[in-house]
C-alpha atoms as a PDB file:
ATOM      1  CA  MET A   1      76.954 114.299 109.741  1.00  0.00           C
ATOM      2  CA  LYS A   2      79.289 113.306 112.560  1.00  0.00           C
ATOM      3  CA  LEU A   3      82.941 114.385 112.706  1.00  0.00           C
ATOM      4  CA  SER A   4      84.023 110.755 113.119  1.00  0.00           C
ATOM      5  CA  GLU A   5      82.516 109.892 109.698  1.00  0.00           C
ATOM      6  CA  ILE A   6      84.448 112.342 107.490  1.00  0.00           C
ATOM      7  CA  LYS A   7      87.396 111.455 105.276  1.00  0.00           C
ATOM      8  CA  ASN A   8      90.954 112.823 105.498  1.00  0.00           C
ATOM      9  CA  ASN A   9      91.687 116.305 104.083  1.00  0.00           C
ATOM     10  CA  LYS A  10      88.020 117.316 104.152  1.00  0.00           C
ATOM     11  CA  LYS A  11      87.079 120.769 105.508  1.00  0.00           C
ATOM     12  CA  LEU A  12      83.740 121.163 107.248  1.00  0.00           C
ATOM     13  CA  LYS A  13      81.973 123.549 109.608  1.00  0.00           C
ATOM     14  CA  ILE A  14      81.190 122.632 113.216  1.00  0.00           C
ATOM     15  CA  GLU A  15      77.429 122.743 113.827  1.00  0.00           C
ATOM     16  CA  LYS A  16      76.852 121.279 117.297  1.00  0.00           C
ATOM     17  CA  ILE A  17      78.811 119.731 120.171  1.00  0.00           C
ATOM     18  CA  ASP A  18      76.954 117.128 122.259  1.00  0.00           C
ATOM     19  CA  PHE A  19      79.173 117.286 125.342  1.00  0.00           C
ATOM     20  CA  HIS A  20      78.292 118.791 128.698  1.00  0.00           C
ATOM     21  CA  GLY A  21      80.262 120.296 131.543  1.00  0.00           C
ATOM     22  CA  ILE A  22      84.032 120.409 131.694  1.00  0.00           C
ATOM     23  CA  LYS A  23      84.616 118.387 128.500  1.00  0.00           C
ATOM     24  CA  LYS A  24      82.523 120.818 126.430  1.00  0.00           C
ATOM     25  CA  ARG A  25      84.336 123.776 127.989  1.00  0.00           C
ATOM     26  CA  ARG A  26      87.707 122.206 127.189  1.00  0.00           C
ATOM     27  CA  LEU A  27      86.740 121.678 123.528  1.00  0.00           C
ATOM     28  CA  TYR A  28      85.572 125.302 123.328  1.00  0.00           C
ATOM     29  CA  ASP A  29      88.943 126.404 124.731  1.00  0.00           C
ATOM     30  CA  LEU A  30      90.683 124.399 121.985  1.00  0.00           C
ATOM     31  CA  GLY A  31      88.650 126.133 119.246  1.00  0.00           C
ATOM     32  CA  PHE A  32      85.827 123.633 118.723  1.00  0.00           C
ATOM     33  CA  ILE A  33      83.147 126.315 118.452  1.00  0.00           C
ATOM     34  CA  PRO A  34      79.983 126.110 116.313  1.00  0.00           C
ATOM     35  CA  GLY A  35      80.642 127.909 113.030  1.00  0.00           C
ATOM     36  CA  GLN A  36      84.394 127.199 113.107  1.00  0.00           C
ATOM     37  CA  THR A  37      86.055 125.374 110.189  1.00  0.00           C
ATOM     38  CA  ILE A  38      87.581 121.986 110.995  1.00  0.00           C
ATOM     39  CA  GLU A  39      89.669 119.691 108.805  1.00  0.00           C
ATOM     40  CA  LYS A  40      90.440 116.009 109.323  1.00  0.00           C
ATOM     41  CA  MET A  41      94.163 115.652 108.690  1.00  0.00           C
ATOM     42  CA  TYR A  42      95.207 112.087 109.548  1.00  0.00           C
ATOM     43  CA  SER A  43      93.783 108.838 110.847  1.00  0.00           C
ATOM     44  CA  SER A  44      95.650 106.287 112.876  1.00  0.00           C
ATOM     45  CA  VAL A  45      95.154 102.552 112.601  1.00  0.00           C
ATOM     46  CA  PHE A  46      91.425 101.739 112.825  1.00  0.00           C
ATOM     47  CA  ASN A  47      90.703 105.526 112.740  1.00  0.00           C
ATOM     48  CA  ASN A  48      91.135 105.813 116.490  1.00  0.00           C
ATOM     49  CA  PRO A  49      92.311 108.451 117.294  1.00  0.00           C
ATOM     50  CA  SER A  50      92.263 110.879 114.372  1.00  0.00           C
ATOM     51  CA  CYS A  51      94.002 114.228 113.967  1.00  0.00           C
ATOM     52  CA  TYR A  52      91.958 117.361 113.268  1.00  0.00           C
ATOM     53  CA  LYS A  53      93.041 120.914 112.457  1.00  0.00           C
ATOM     54  CA  VAL A  54      91.147 123.782 114.093  1.00  0.00           C
ATOM     55  CA  LYS A  55      92.472 127.366 114.018  1.00  0.00           C
ATOM     56  CA  ASP A  56      96.018 126.303 112.978  1.00  0.00           C
ATOM     57  CA  THR A  57      96.134 123.792 115.846  1.00  0.00           C
ATOM     58  CA  PHE A  58      96.329 120.005 115.464  1.00  0.00           C
ATOM     59  CA  ILE A  59      94.247 118.023 117.946  1.00  0.00           C
ATOM     60  CA  ALA A  60      93.775 114.254 118.279  1.00  0.00           C
ATOM     61  CA  LEU A  61      90.303 113.021 119.201  1.00  0.00           C
ATOM     62  CA  ARG A  62      89.090 109.525 119.926  1.00  0.00           C
ATOM     63  CA  LYS A  63      86.381 108.195 117.636  1.00  0.00           C
ATOM     64  CA  GLU A  64      83.762 108.147 120.415  1.00  0.00           C
ATOM     65  CA  ASP A  65      84.442 111.839 121.137  1.00  0.00           C
ATOM     66  CA  ALA A  66      84.444 112.859 117.455  1.00  0.00           C
ATOM     67  CA  TYR A  67      81.078 111.101 117.079  1.00  0.00           C
ATOM     68  CA  LYS A  68      79.528 113.675 119.449  1.00  0.00           C
ATOM     69  CA  ILE A  69      80.446 116.606 117.179  1.00  0.00           C
ATOM     70  CA  GLU A  70      78.097 117.401 114.300  1.00  0.00           C
ATOM     71  CA  VAL A  71      79.513 119.029 111.162  1.00  0.00           C
ATOM     72  CA  SER A  72      78.219 120.224 107.786  1.00  0.00           C
ATOM     73  CA  ASN A  73      79.696 121.326 104.467  1.00  0.00           C
ATOM     74  CA  GLU A  74      81.173 124.819 104.427  1.00  0.00           C
END
């Protein structure tokens, strides 16, 4: 399932990140690592962007970026 499809307050595990180059490296630096737990905290109007919690850090991602991150149940 894609990260952009989950509901608020749902905890999942990151499986795969479909970015390449500097953007993938930046997400890794922020804690978006396969196997890491992620939780969708809040959604803005039209769900774009949404706020996610990774390693006690809150990060906003646009829907098109969250769509490139695959997650599964813990």
